[in-house]
Protein backbone atom coordinates (compact mmCIF):
# COMPACT_ATOMS: atom_id res chain seq x y z
CA MET A 1 63.68 -29.41 75.52
CA ALA A 2 63.83 -29.63 71.74
CA LEU A 3 61.40 -26.70 71.47
CA LEU A 4 63.44 -24.62 73.88
CA ARG A 5 66.57 -25.28 71.81
CA LEU A 6 64.68 -24.33 68.65
CA LEU A 7 63.57 -21.07 70.21
CA ALA A 8 66.93 -20.27 71.83
CA SER A 9 67.37 -16.98 69.98
CA TYR A 10 63.99 -15.83 71.41
CA HIS A 11 65.13 -16.32 75.05
CA PRO A 12 62.44 -18.87 75.96
CA TRP A 13 61.37 -20.00 79.40
CA THR A 14 58.73 -22.41 80.62
CA ILE A 15 55.99 -22.48 83.23
CA GLN A 16 54.67 -25.90 84.29
CA LEU A 17 50.88 -25.82 84.38
CA GLY A 18 50.31 -29.50 85.17
CA GLU A 19 52.02 -32.84 85.15
CA GLU A 20 52.14 -32.88 81.36
CA ARG A 21 51.19 -29.29 80.57
CA TRP A 22 53.70 -26.52 79.95
CA LEU A 23 53.52 -22.93 78.88
CA VAL A 24 56.51 -21.96 76.73
CA VAL A 25 57.12 -18.22 76.60
CA ALA A 26 59.54 -16.54 74.20
CA ARG A 27 60.49 -12.91 73.61
CA ALA A 28 60.52 -11.35 70.11
CA GLU A 29 61.73 -7.89 69.18
CA ASP A 30 58.80 -7.16 66.85
CA ASP A 31 55.75 -8.71 65.21
CA GLU A 32 57.79 -10.08 62.29
CA ALA A 33 60.15 -11.89 64.65
CA GLY A 34 57.16 -13.12 66.68
CA SER A 35 55.54 -14.49 63.55
CA GLY A 36 58.78 -16.30 62.75
CA ALA A 37 58.79 -17.87 66.23
CA LEU A 38 55.15 -19.01 65.79
CA GLU A 39 56.08 -20.62 62.48
CA LEU A 40 58.93 -22.48 64.16
CA VAL A 41 56.55 -23.74 66.88
CA ASP A 42 53.92 -24.81 64.29
CA HIS A 43 56.48 -26.69 62.24
CA TRP A 44 57.95 -28.34 65.35
CA ALA A 45 54.49 -29.45 66.50
CA GLN A 46 53.45 -30.81 63.11
CA GLU A 47 56.66 -32.82 62.74
CA ARG A 48 56.03 -34.50 66.12
CA GLY A 49 52.24 -34.89 65.83
CA HIS A 50 51.62 -32.74 68.90
CA VAL A 51 48.06 -31.57 69.32
CA GLY A 52 46.53 -29.10 71.75
CA LEU A 53 49.13 -26.40 71.28
CA ILE A 54 47.85 -22.83 71.47
CA PRO A 55 50.40 -20.54 69.86
CA MET A 56 49.79 -16.87 70.69
CA LEU A 57 51.53 -13.62 69.88
CA GLY A 58 51.50 -10.40 71.84
CA LEU A 59 50.08 -9.32 75.16
CA ASP A 60 47.15 -11.75 74.94
CA ALA A 61 49.65 -14.52 75.69
CA LEU A 62 50.16 -13.07 79.17
CA HIS A 63 46.62 -14.15 80.09
CA LEU A 64 46.89 -17.67 78.66
CA PRO A 65 47.30 -19.47 82.01
CA GLU A 66 44.05 -17.85 83.24
CA ARG A 67 42.22 -18.81 80.07
CA LEU A 68 43.44 -22.40 80.28
CA GLU A 69 42.17 -22.70 83.82
CA GLU A 70 38.80 -21.20 82.84
CA ALA A 71 38.48 -23.70 79.98
CA ARG A 72 38.87 -26.71 82.33
């Protein structure tokens, strides 16, 4: 929930991929705003010691759930 609050201005939503796996999706107006959102996520993850995050920008992110399943 903390990450969703942090990304509130990017209109985030989540998709649950597993019991403890979530995909957080946010919308940015342009690449600069998207880069800013990725920096927020990176900082948030580092502060909390989270590992295994895969931040992505652009249309490639739409295929992330498929890639995660293929990697299993």
